[in-house]
Amino acid sequence: MSNSNRRYRARDIKVSFAGVPVLRGVDFDVVPGEIHGLFGHNGAGKSTLLKILAGVNRPDAGELLIGDESIALSSPRDALHQGIACVYQELRLIPGMTVWQNIFLGRELRKNAWLDEVAMKNHTRQVLDEYKLKIDPLSLVRDLSHPDKQMLEVVANLDRDARFLLLDEPTTALEGAQADALLKSVQRIAREKQIGVVLVSHKLDEVLGVCDEATVMCGGKVIYHATHNIAKQDIVDAIVGDAAPSMDEGERTSKTDVDKRAAPYLDVRNLSTSRLRDVSLQAWPGEIVGIYGLAGAGRTRFCRTLFGLEEVTSGEVLIAGKPYRARSPANAISKGVGYLTEERKKDGIVPLMSSFSNATLPILRRFRKRALVNHRAAAQSANQILVEMNTRGNLRGPIKSLSGGNQQKVLLARVIGQDAKLVLLDEPTKGVDIGAKADIYAIIRRMAAEGRCVVVVSSEEEELLEIADRVLVFHHGHCDGVSVQGEALSIAGLRKAAWSGNTQALA
């Protein structure tokens, strides 16, 4: 049977969430021995399609087939039984276990009711040799490099007889040479073992060199498809071409007029870390500076670096004209830097503490007299800010009982309570409803009007057009400092700059 007849096929796949169409009749093929690149902007439907192919979600309509045989997938386990495996950005390896233990996790070999460690270690060595991985089976996974961890998870799935491999942003955490090596290894394995690979990525320059086929999605539909001789510019044009303006210039909120003759409050010069390279930008008091870019472009890393969570390797940062380098978040807070994390549930809120306690955590020392904290005074201070922000819900109860929008307001109150002069907001409206978005926009504008220097990271083009005075774009960990005034921005310009790396395309 030819590869063409053994392909994994999705036909007319349709999915809606809460009555909103997410996939609108998608056709997609994976051919054994070939790599199919799947591209598209945020919200295009890529992740939903990948989850359906991997058995995580079920379609409302349409059909999945391997060859001419229709299959039904109710779980990732069902998919694996059909030879379909998915490797996500967040690897599922267990760091404290050895390589061989991870390879055999959940399918351990036994001999006379005892674990047959000798057989499992020997098999792991054979598998690693077969796929040309120079990894010691006895090593702990936490001691491996990130590229080795990526390849280990790929090999672990292939050893479970996977015939189709779905890779979600596999090179996001890798440097250029590491990414190239990983992709070449995947390409070699696909060819030699006749494995069909789906590669989801924002890094066109890296992945197009190994793709045999490319599909671009937008708005839940396939808008571009090509086999072999795939042109990067055609993909960029397909993604950008759907970016219709969301509002006329006259409908946009007027922007702040900042005197650029004065020294910038934040001045970043050629900042580099293990994941950022030559980042330069400036921001003035009283303005809202937007930062845009694709997933893994370095936007969050930049905020974390300024907040003392990641180490600077070179470059210079000035705040109010003075050299700045935070050794820790506490050190950053003491120097007037506030940070709203993108993942509020992971590293923002303390779920079982009250909203008052969450809002005042970094400044409890202000309410301390001798060895005791005056919690009533702290709660009153937090309540004053939260009431002004129109925060709803039981503020004395656990913060986890509040809606996402109100949780976000509590974290904004934390930044305001710190009296931070430099405010870093990473995806400030992520996971909140429309009403809460409007309130949060008003809070951000008020912080700028009070003379704070506000930096907003957002994946939503409409959001940046709505609130930012200027926008800069990060691309593959780099920012050249070129910005465009908010009124001159367009969604198409933002997308083109993010995908191509050409900041001249911003306007």
Protein backbone atom coordinates (compact mmCIF):
# COMPACT_ATOMS: atom_id res chain seq x y z
CA MET A 1 0.00 0.00 0.00
CA SER A 2 1.42 3.43 -0.94
CA ASN A 3 2.02 6.22 1.58
CA SER A 4 -0.81 8.10 -0.05
CA ASN A 5 -3.26 5.34 0.92
CA ARG A 6 -1.98 5.05 4.51
CA ARG A 7 -2.25 8.73 5.36
CA TYR A 8 -4.05 10.13 8.41
CA ARG A 9 -6.93 12.24 7.14
CA ALA A 10 -9.31 14.76 8.70
CA ARG A 11 -12.35 15.55 6.57
CA ASP A 12 -14.77 18.48 6.99
CA ILE A 13 -14.01 18.85 10.71
CA LYS A 14 -16.33 21.26 12.50
CA VAL A 15 -16.20 22.34 16.15
CA SER A 16 -18.05 24.99 18.15
CA PHE A 17 -17.52 26.08 21.74
CA ALA A 18 -20.48 27.73 23.52
CA GLY A 19 -22.14 28.11 20.15
CA VAL A 20 -19.16 29.90 18.59
CA PRO A 21 -17.66 28.11 15.54
CA VAL A 22 -13.96 27.37 16.02
CA LEU A 23 -13.34 24.99 13.12
CA ARG A 24 -15.44 25.48 9.99
CA GLY A 25 -15.02 22.40 7.84
CA VAL A 26 -11.27 21.70 7.91
CA ASP A 27 -9.58 19.11 5.68
CA PHE A 28 -6.07 18.05 6.69
CA ASP A 29 -3.76 15.15 5.69
CA VAL A 30 -0.66 13.63 7.26
CA VAL A 31 1.42 11.45 4.91
CA PRO A 32 3.84 8.80 6.27
CA GLY A 33 7.45 9.84 5.74
CA GLU A 34 6.59 13.54 5.30
CA ILE A 35 6.41 16.65 7.50
CA HIS A 36 3.31 18.81 7.30
CA GLY A 37 3.74 22.35 8.69
CA LEU A 38 0.65 23.90 10.29
CA PHE A 39 0.69 27.69 10.60
CA GLY A 40 -1.67 30.44 11.60
CA HIS A 41 -2.09 33.37 13.92
CA ASN A 42 -3.40 33.34 17.50
CA GLY A 43 -6.95 31.98 17.52
CA ALA A 44 -6.72 30.54 14.01
CA GLY A 45 -7.83 27.08 15.18
CA LYS A 46 -4.47 25.25 15.04
CA SER A 47 -4.53 24.07 18.65
CA THR A 48 -8.13 22.89 18.37
CA LEU A 49 -7.34 20.90 15.22
CA LEU A 50 -4.26 19.39 16.87
CA LYS A 51 -6.30 18.31 19.91
CA ILE A 52 -8.85 16.63 17.67
CA LEU A 53 -6.13 14.81 15.74
CA ALA A 54 -4.60 13.72 19.07
CA GLY A 55 -7.89 12.49 20.58
CA VAL A 56 -8.08 15.19 23.26
CA ASN A 57 -11.29 16.72 21.84
CA ARG A 58 -13.99 15.24 19.64
CA PRO A 59 -15.35 17.09 16.60
CA ASP A 60 -19.01 18.10 16.34
CA ALA A 61 -19.01 16.95 12.73
CA GLY A 62 -16.62 15.47 10.21
CA GLU A 63 -14.53 12.32 10.04
CA LEU A 64 -11.07 11.04 10.93
CA LEU A 65 -9.59 8.27 8.79
CA ILE A 66 -6.39 6.25 8.52
CA GLY A 67 -6.23 5.15 4.93
CA ASP A 68 -9.85 4.38 4.06
CA GLU A 69 -10.78 3.24 7.57
CA SER A 70 -12.83 5.65 9.71
CA ILE A 71 -11.64 5.92 13.33
CA ALA A 72 -13.23 7.34 16.49
CA LEU A 73 -10.97 8.84 19.16
CA SER A 74 -12.29 9.43 22.68
CA SER A 75 -8.95 10.05 24.39
CA PRO A 76 -5.20 10.38 23.76
CA ARG A 77 -4.95 6.71 24.78
CA ASP A 78 -7.30 5.80 21.91
CA ALA A 79 -5.14 7.86 19.58
CA LEU A 80 -1.97 6.10 20.73
CA HIS A 81 -3.61 2.73 20.08
CA GLN A 82 -4.15 3.96 16.52
CA GLY A 83 -0.49 4.99 16.29
CA ILE A 84 -1.08 8.73 16.81
CA ALA A 85 1.00 10.60 19.42
CA CYS A 86 1.31 14.27 20.35
CA VAL A 87 4.27 16.05 21.97
CA TYR A 88 3.25 19.36 23.53
CA GLN A 89 5.28 22.43 24.51
CA GLU A 90 5.04 21.36 28.15
CA LEU A 91 6.85 18.04 28.13
CA ARG A 92 5.30 15.19 30.09
CA LEU A 93 8.59 13.64 31.19
CA ILE A 94 9.13 13.20 34.93
CA PRO A 95 12.36 15.07 35.85
CA GLY A 96 13.21 13.00 38.93
CA MET A 97 13.09 9.69 37.06
CA THR A 98 15.76 8.18 34.83
CA VAL A 99 15.65 8.05 31.04
CA TRP A 100 14.77 4.34 30.98
CA GLN A 101 12.04 4.82 33.60
CA ASN A 102 10.43 7.53 31.48
CA ILE A 103 10.63 5.39 28.34
CA PHE A 104 8.74 2.57 30.09
CA LEU A 105 6.43 4.69 32.23
CA GLY A 106 3.04 2.97 32.41
CA ARG A 107 4.17 -0.13 30.49
CA GLU A 108 6.90 -1.54 32.71
CA LEU A 109 8.29 -5.00 31.95
CA ARG A 110 7.99 -7.64 34.66
CA LYS A 111 9.65 -10.97 35.34
CA ASN A 112 8.15 -13.25 37.96
CA ALA A 113 6.10 -10.33 39.40
CA TRP A 114 9.24 -8.19 39.76
CA LEU A 115 10.23 -5.27 37.58
CA ASP A 116 12.69 -6.46 34.93
CA GLU A 117 15.05 -3.48 35.13
CA VAL A 118 17.80 -5.22 33.16
CA ALA A 119 15.51 -5.81 30.16
CA MET A 120 14.15 -2.25 30.27
CA LYS A 121 17.60 -0.69 30.47
CA ASN A 122 18.89 -2.85 27.61
CA HIS A 123 15.86 -2.01 25.46
CA THR A 124 16.29 1.70 26.19
CA ARG A 125 19.94 1.54 25.05
CA GLN A 126 18.86 -0.15 21.81
CA VAL A 127 16.16 2.46 21.19
CA LEU A 128 18.52 5.38 21.85
CA ASP A 129 21.13 3.86 19.55
CA GLU A 130 18.52 3.22 16.86
CA TYR A 131 17.51 6.90 16.87
CA LYS A 132 21.13 8.08 17.22
CA LEU A 133 20.61 9.78 20.60
CA LYS A 134 23.74 10.02 22.74
CA ILE A 135 21.95 9.83 26.09
CA ASP A 136 22.78 7.62 29.07
CA PRO A 137 19.69 5.52 29.98
CA LEU A 138 20.67 5.85 33.66
CA SER A 139 20.69 9.68 33.60
CA LEU A 140 17.99 11.62 35.40
CA VAL A 141 15.79 13.53 32.96
CA ARG A 142 16.28 16.77 34.90
CA ASP A 143 20.01 16.62 34.05
CA LEU A 144 19.40 16.49 30.27
CA SER A 145 19.55 19.48 27.94
CA HIS A 146 16.22 20.76 26.65
CA PRO A 147 16.85 19.45 23.09
CA ASP A 148 17.61 15.99 24.53
CA LYS A 149 14.38 16.11 26.55
CA GLN A 150 12.43 17.02 23.41
CA MET A 151 13.93 14.15 21.45
CA LEU A 152 13.49 11.74 24.36
CA GLU A 153 9.75 12.40 24.40
CA VAL A 154 9.61 11.95 20.63
CA VAL A 155 11.47 8.64 20.87
CA ALA A 156 9.33 7.48 23.83
CA ASN A 157 6.24 7.89 21.64
CA LEU A 158 7.82 6.22 18.62
CA ASP A 159 8.77 3.26 20.81
CA ARG A 160 5.06 2.86 21.50
CA ASP A 161 4.59 2.24 17.78
CA ALA A 162 3.44 5.76 16.89
CA ARG A 163 3.07 6.13 13.12
CA PHE A 164 1.91 9.74 13.21
CA LEU A 165 3.63 12.34 15.39
CA LEU A 166 2.09 15.72 16.23
CA LEU A 167 4.64 18.29 17.47
CA ASP A 168 3.32 21.50 19.07
CA GLU A 169 5.92 24.32 18.96
CA PRO A 170 8.88 21.97 19.53
CA THR A 171 11.55 24.65 19.03
CA THR A 172 10.09 27.42 21.22
CA ALA A 173 12.61 26.93 24.03
CA LEU A 174 15.61 26.22 21.78
CA GLU A 175 18.41 28.34 20.36
CA GLY A 176 18.98 28.48 16.59
CA ALA A 177 21.55 25.66 16.31
CA GLN A 178 19.63 23.49 18.78
CA ALA A 179 16.38 24.01 16.86
CA ASP A 180 18.05 23.13 13.55
CA ALA A 181 19.52 19.94 15.02
CA LEU A 182 16.16 18.90 16.49
CA LEU A 183 14.27 19.51 13.24
CA LYS A 184 16.87 17.67 11.18
CA SER A 185 16.62 14.71 13.56
CA VAL A 186 12.83 14.70 13.24
CA GLN A 187 13.13 14.89 9.45
CA ARG A 188 15.60 11.98 9.36
CA ILE A 189 13.37 9.85 11.58
CA ALA A 190 10.30 10.69 9.49
CA ARG A 191 12.09 9.58 6.31
CA GLU A 192 13.77 6.45 7.71
CA LYS A 193 10.84 5.16 9.76
CA GLN A 194 8.07 6.46 7.49
CA ILE A 195 6.51 8.49 10.29
CA GLY A 196 3.99 11.16 9.35
CA VAL A 197 4.75 14.40 11.23
CA VAL A 198 2.64 17.50 11.91
CA LEU A 199 4.76 20.47 12.93
CA VAL A 200 3.01 23.48 14.50
CA SER A 201 5.32 26.49 14.77
CA HIS A 202 5.61 30.26 14.58
CA LYS A 203 9.25 30.06 13.48
CA LEU A 204 8.92 30.00 9.71
CA ASP A 205 12.61 30.38 8.94
CA GLU A 206 13.46 27.30 11.01
CA VAL A 207 10.70 24.90 10.03
CA LEU A 208 10.18 25.56 6.33
CA GLY A 209 13.51 23.91 5.59
CA VAL A 210 12.12 20.53 6.65
CA CYS A 211 8.46 20.77 5.58
CA ASP A 212 7.11 18.81 2.62
CA GLU A 213 3.68 20.35 2.93
CA ALA A 214 2.26 23.53 4.51
CA THR A 215 -1.20 24.59 5.62
CA VAL A 216 -2.23 28.01 6.93
CA MET A 217 -5.37 28.39 9.02
CA CYS A 218 -7.30 31.54 9.85
CA GLY A 219 -10.69 31.93 11.46
CA GLY A 220 -11.11 28.17 11.75
CA LYS A 221 -10.62 27.56 8.02
CA VAL A 222 -7.78 26.50 5.75
CA ILE A 223 -6.84 29.58 3.72
CA TYR A 224 -3.60 28.37 2.11
CA HIS A 225 -2.09 25.00 1.23
CA ALA A 226 1.08 24.09 -0.64
CA THR A 227 3.28 21.05 -1.24
CA HIS A 228 7.04 21.29 -1.75
CA ASN A 229 8.59 24.59 -2.94
CA ILE A 230 6.84 26.37 -0.07
CA ALA A 231 7.48 30.12 -0.01
CA LYS A 232 7.73 31.94 3.32
CA GLN A 233 6.30 35.13 1.85
CA ASP A 234 3.21 33.29 0.62
CA ILE A 235 2.54 32.06 4.15
CA VAL A 236 3.07 35.54 5.65
CA ASP A 237 0.78 37.06 3.00
CA ALA A 238 -1.92 34.47 3.77
CA ILE A 239 -1.79 35.22 7.49
CA VAL A 240 -1.68 38.99 7.04
CA GLY A 241 -4.31 39.06 4.29
CA ASP A 242 -7.11 38.17 6.68
CA ALA A 243 -6.29 40.99 9.11
CA ALA A 244 -9.12 43.37 8.39
CA PRO A 245 -9.13 46.63 10.41
CA SER A 246 -11.25 46.37 13.54
CA MET A 247 -11.95 50.10 13.80
CA ASP A 248 -11.41 53.30 11.92
CA GLU A 249 -8.65 55.58 13.09
CA GLY A 250 -11.20 58.13 14.18
CA GLU A 251 -12.79 55.61 16.52
CA ARG A 252 -9.60 54.85 18.41
CA THR A 253 -8.94 56.28 21.82
CA SER A 254 -6.73 59.38 21.62
CA LYS A 255 -3.11 58.69 22.60
CA THR A 256 -0.93 60.34 25.20
CA ASP A 257 1.36 63.11 24.01
CA VAL A 258 4.67 62.51 25.78
CA ASP A 259 7.59 64.94 25.66
CA LYS A 260 10.38 62.82 24.15
CA ARG A 261 12.89 65.61 24.76
CA ALA A 262 13.03 64.49 28.38
CA ALA A 263 15.06 61.43 29.33
CA PRO A 264 13.17 58.11 29.14
CA TYR A 265 12.21 56.51 32.44
CA LEU A 266 13.07 53.04 31.12
CA ASP A 267 16.06 52.76 28.80
CA VAL A 268 17.07 49.23 27.72
CA ARG A 269 20.27 48.94 25.68
CA ASN A 270 21.28 45.68 23.97
CA LEU A 271 19.95 43.53 26.79
CA SER A 272 20.76 39.82 26.43
CA THR A 273 19.98 36.75 28.52
CA SER A 274 20.11 33.03 27.79
CA ARG A 275 16.92 33.50 25.74
CA LEU A 276 16.99 37.19 24.68
CA ARG A 277 19.45 38.89 22.33
CA ASP A 278 20.15 42.59 21.91
CA VAL A 279 16.84 43.93 23.18
CA SER A 280 16.64 47.71 23.03
CA LEU A 281 13.68 49.95 23.85
CA GLN A 282 12.69 53.11 25.65
CA ALA A 283 9.61 54.17 27.58
CA TRP A 284 8.60 57.47 29.12
CA PRO A 285 6.52 58.32 32.21
CA GLY A 286 2.86 58.81 31.41
CA GLU A 287 2.73 56.62 28.30
CA ILE A 288 1.54 53.10 27.57
CA VAL A 289 4.08 51.16 25.52
CA GLY A 290 2.75 48.03 23.84
CA ILE A 291 4.88 44.95 23.16
CA TYR A 292 3.73 42.50 20.51
CA GLY A 293 5.10 39.24 19.13
CA LEU A 294 4.34 35.60 18.54
CA ALA A 295 4.48 32.86 21.18
CA GLY A 296 8.08 32.34 22.27
CA ALA A 297 9.24 35.69 20.85
CA GLY A 298 10.66 36.75 24.21
CA ARG A 299 8.02 39.17 25.50
CA THR A 300 7.41 37.37 28.79
CA ARG A 301 11.13 36.65 29.20
CA PHE A 302 11.79 40.39 28.91
CA CYS A 303 9.33 41.22 31.70
CA ARG A 304 10.66 38.44 33.90
CA THR A 305 14.21 39.69 33.38
CA LEU A 306 13.33 43.25 34.42
CA PHE A 307 11.57 41.82 37.48
CA GLY A 308 14.65 39.87 38.58
CA LEU A 309 13.41 36.39 37.63
CA GLU A 310 15.97 35.75 34.86
CA GLU A 311 19.67 36.54 34.74
CA VAL A 312 21.12 39.24 32.49
CA THR A 313 24.21 38.16 30.55
CA SER A 314 25.02 41.45 28.81
CA GLY A 315 23.63 44.86 28.02
CA GLU A 316 22.42 47.72 30.18
CA VAL A 317 19.16 48.87 31.74
CA LEU A 318 18.62 52.38 33.07
CA ILE A 319 15.65 53.42 35.19
CA ALA A 320 15.27 57.16 35.76
CA GLY A 321 18.76 57.55 34.35
CA LYS A 322 20.40 55.20 36.86
CA PRO A 323 21.82 51.69 36.18
CA TYR A 324 19.31 49.01 37.12
CA ARG A 325 19.69 45.27 37.59
CA ALA A 326 17.27 43.37 39.82
CA ARG A 327 18.70 40.48 41.81
CA SER A 328 15.23 39.19 42.76
CA PRO A 329 11.54 40.19 42.60
CA ALA A 330 11.81 41.68 46.11
CA ASN A 331 14.74 43.77 44.90
CA ALA A 332 12.76 44.88 41.82
CA ILE A 333 9.77 45.87 43.97
CA SER A 334 12.04 47.90 46.26
CA LYS A 335 13.22 49.80 43.18
CA GLY A 336 9.69 50.69 42.08
CA VAL A 337 9.03 47.93 39.52
CA GLY A 338 5.67 46.14 39.49
CA TYR A 339 4.85 43.04 37.46
CA LEU A 340 1.55 41.44 36.53
CA THR A 341 2.24 37.88 35.42
CA GLU A 342 0.58 36.26 32.41
CA GLU A 343 -0.34 33.15 34.40
CA ARG A 344 -2.29 34.53 37.35
CA LYS A 345 -3.38 31.09 38.59
CA LYS A 346 0.13 29.65 38.37
CA ASP A 347 2.28 32.42 39.84
CA GLY A 348 -0.03 35.37 40.55
CA ILE A 349 -2.75 34.70 43.09
CA VAL A 350 -2.66 32.65 46.29
CA PRO A 351 -6.00 30.84 45.81
CA LEU A 352 -7.08 30.31 49.44
CA MET A 353 -6.11 33.78 50.68
CA SER A 354 -8.55 36.67 50.56
CA SER A 355 -8.45 39.40 47.93
CA PHE A 356 -7.23 41.82 50.59
CA SER A 357 -4.33 39.55 51.54
CA ASN A 358 -3.42 38.93 47.88
CA ALA A 359 -3.40 42.66 47.13
CA THR A 360 -1.13 43.55 50.05
CA LEU A 361 1.33 40.62 50.06
CA PRO A 362 4.37 42.61 48.78
CA ILE A 363 3.77 45.58 51.10
CA LEU A 364 2.85 43.98 54.44
CA ARG A 365 5.93 45.54 56.00
CA ARG A 366 4.21 48.92 55.73
CA PHE A 367 1.59 47.71 58.19
CA ARG A 368 4.01 46.09 60.61
CA LYS A 369 4.60 47.51 64.04
CA ARG A 370 7.35 45.80 65.93
CA ALA A 371 6.79 42.07 65.19
CA LEU A 372 3.06 42.28 64.42
CA VAL A 373 1.19 43.09 61.22
CA ASN A 374 -1.94 45.25 61.44
CA HIS A 375 -4.07 43.18 59.06
CA ARG A 376 -7.11 45.43 59.54
CA ALA A 377 -5.19 48.46 58.30
CA ALA A 378 -3.82 46.41 55.37
CA ALA A 379 -7.33 45.25 54.44
CA GLN A 380 -8.66 48.81 54.60
CA SER A 381 -5.88 50.02 52.31
CA ALA A 382 -6.55 47.23 49.80
CA ASN A 383 -10.31 47.74 50.00
CA GLN A 384 -9.97 51.41 49.07
CA ILE A 385 -8.11 50.54 45.88
CA LEU A 386 -10.38 47.60 45.01
CA VAL A 387 -13.55 49.66 45.43
CA GLU A 388 -12.16 52.37 43.15
CA MET A 389 -11.47 49.62 40.58
CA ASN A 390 -15.09 48.40 40.71
CA THR A 391 -14.02 44.96 41.98
CA ARG A 392 -16.99 42.67 42.60
CA GLY A 393 -17.44 39.57 44.73
CA ASN A 394 -16.67 38.49 48.27
CA LEU A 395 -13.33 40.19 48.82
CA ARG A 396 -12.95 38.72 52.30
CA GLY A 397 -13.33 35.15 51.03
CA PRO A 398 -10.78 33.11 49.06
CA ILE A 399 -9.78 34.90 45.88
CA LYS A 400 -10.35 31.72 43.88
CA SER A 401 -14.12 32.33 44.26
CA LEU A 402 -13.90 35.52 42.16
CA SER A 403 -14.26 35.67 38.39
CA GLY A 404 -11.12 35.88 36.26
CA GLY A 405 -11.64 39.58 35.63
CA ASN A 406 -11.98 40.38 39.33
CA GLN A 407 -8.94 38.26 40.18
CA GLN A 408 -7.01 40.31 37.64
CA LYS A 409 -8.19 43.55 39.27
CA VAL A 410 -6.85 42.31 42.61
CA LEU A 411 -3.43 41.72 41.02
CA LEU A 412 -3.56 45.19 39.47
CA ALA A 413 -4.41 46.57 42.91
CA ARG A 414 -1.27 44.81 44.17
CA VAL A 415 0.83 46.73 41.63
CA ILE A 416 -0.90 50.02 42.45
CA GLY A 417 -0.46 49.43 46.17
CA GLN A 418 3.27 48.99 45.64
CA ASP A 419 3.31 52.50 44.17
CA ALA A 420 5.34 51.06 41.28
CA LYS A 421 6.70 53.68 38.90
CA LEU A 422 7.50 51.10 36.19
CA VAL A 423 4.53 48.79 35.59
CA LEU A 424 4.99 45.60 33.52
CA LEU A 425 1.66 44.03 32.49
CA ASP A 426 1.88 40.67 30.73
CA GLU A 427 -1.42 39.81 28.96
CA PRO A 428 -3.47 41.91 31.44
CA THR A 429 -6.87 40.87 30.02
CA LYS A 430 -6.16 37.18 29.43
CA GLY A 431 -9.18 35.07 30.29
CA VAL A 432 -11.50 37.94 31.28
CA ASP A 433 -14.88 38.95 29.88
CA ILE A 434 -15.64 42.04 27.79
CA GLY A 435 -16.95 44.07 30.72
CA ALA A 436 -13.86 43.38 32.82
CA LYS A 437 -11.65 44.27 29.84
CA ALA A 438 -13.14 47.75 29.68
CA ASP A 439 -12.54 48.23 33.43
CA ILE A 440 -8.94 47.01 33.11
CA TYR A 441 -8.27 49.35 30.18
CA ALA A 442 -9.52 52.23 32.31
CA ILE A 443 -7.22 51.17 35.16
CA ILE A 444 -4.22 50.99 32.82
CA ARG A 445 -4.96 54.45 31.40
CA ARG A 446 -5.30 55.83 34.91
CA MET A 447 -1.92 54.41 35.92
CA ALA A 448 -0.33 56.15 32.92
CA ALA A 449 -2.20 59.40 33.69
CA GLU A 450 -0.71 59.28 37.20
CA GLY A 451 2.73 59.45 35.61
CA ARG A 452 3.68 55.79 35.77
CA CYS A 453 5.64 54.20 32.93
CA VAL A 454 3.39 51.37 31.71
CA VAL A 455 4.55 48.48 29.49
CA VAL A 456 1.79 46.19 28.20
CA VAL A 457 2.50 42.82 26.60
CA SER A 458 -0.45 41.53 24.57
CA SER A 459 -1.21 38.93 21.91
CA GLU A 460 -4.40 40.75 20.95
CA GLU A 461 -3.83 43.23 18.14
CA GLU A 462 -7.11 45.05 18.83
CA GLU A 463 -6.08 45.55 22.46
CA LEU A 464 -2.82 47.23 21.53
CA LEU A 465 -4.54 49.43 18.97
CA GLU A 466 -7.01 50.40 21.67
CA ILE A 467 -4.69 51.33 24.55
CA ALA A 468 -1.05 51.63 23.42
CA ASP A 469 0.60 54.95 22.63
CA ARG A 470 3.41 53.11 20.83
CA VAL A 471 4.06 49.48 19.92
CA LEU A 472 7.30 47.52 19.53
CA VAL A 473 7.62 43.98 18.18
CA PHE A 474 9.72 41.11 19.57
CA HIS A 475 10.90 38.50 17.05
CA HIS A 476 12.88 35.39 18.05
CA GLY A 477 14.09 36.98 21.31
CA HIS A 478 15.13 40.27 19.70
CA CYS A 479 13.74 43.80 19.72
CA ASP A 480 15.46 46.55 17.77
CA GLY A 481 13.72 49.44 19.54
CA VAL A 482 11.77 50.56 16.45
CA SER A 483 8.27 51.61 17.48
CA VAL A 484 5.21 53.01 15.73
CA GLN A 485 2.71 55.43 17.21
CA GLY A 486 -0.62 53.86 18.05
CA GLU A 487 -2.65 55.87 15.56
CA ALA A 488 -0.42 54.68 12.70
CA LEU A 489 -0.74 50.99 13.54
CA SER A 490 -2.71 48.33 11.72
CA ILE A 491 -3.44 44.69 12.54
CA ALA A 492 -1.92 43.67 9.22
CA GLY A 493 1.25 45.62 10.03
CA LEU A 494 1.59 43.98 13.44
CA ARG A 495 1.19 40.48 12.04
CA LYS A 496 3.57 41.10 9.17
CA ALA A 497 6.28 42.43 11.51
CA ALA A 498 5.79 39.54 13.96
CA TRP A 499 6.00 36.80 11.33
CA SER A 500 8.66 38.31 9.08
CA GLY A 501 10.81 40.09 11.66
CA ASN A 502 10.69 43.25 9.55
CA THR A 503 9.73 46.09 11.90
CA GLN A 504 9.40 48.46 8.94
CA ALA A 505 6.17 46.57 8.21
CA LEU A 506 4.60 47.85 11.43
CA ALA A 507 2.91 50.92 10.02
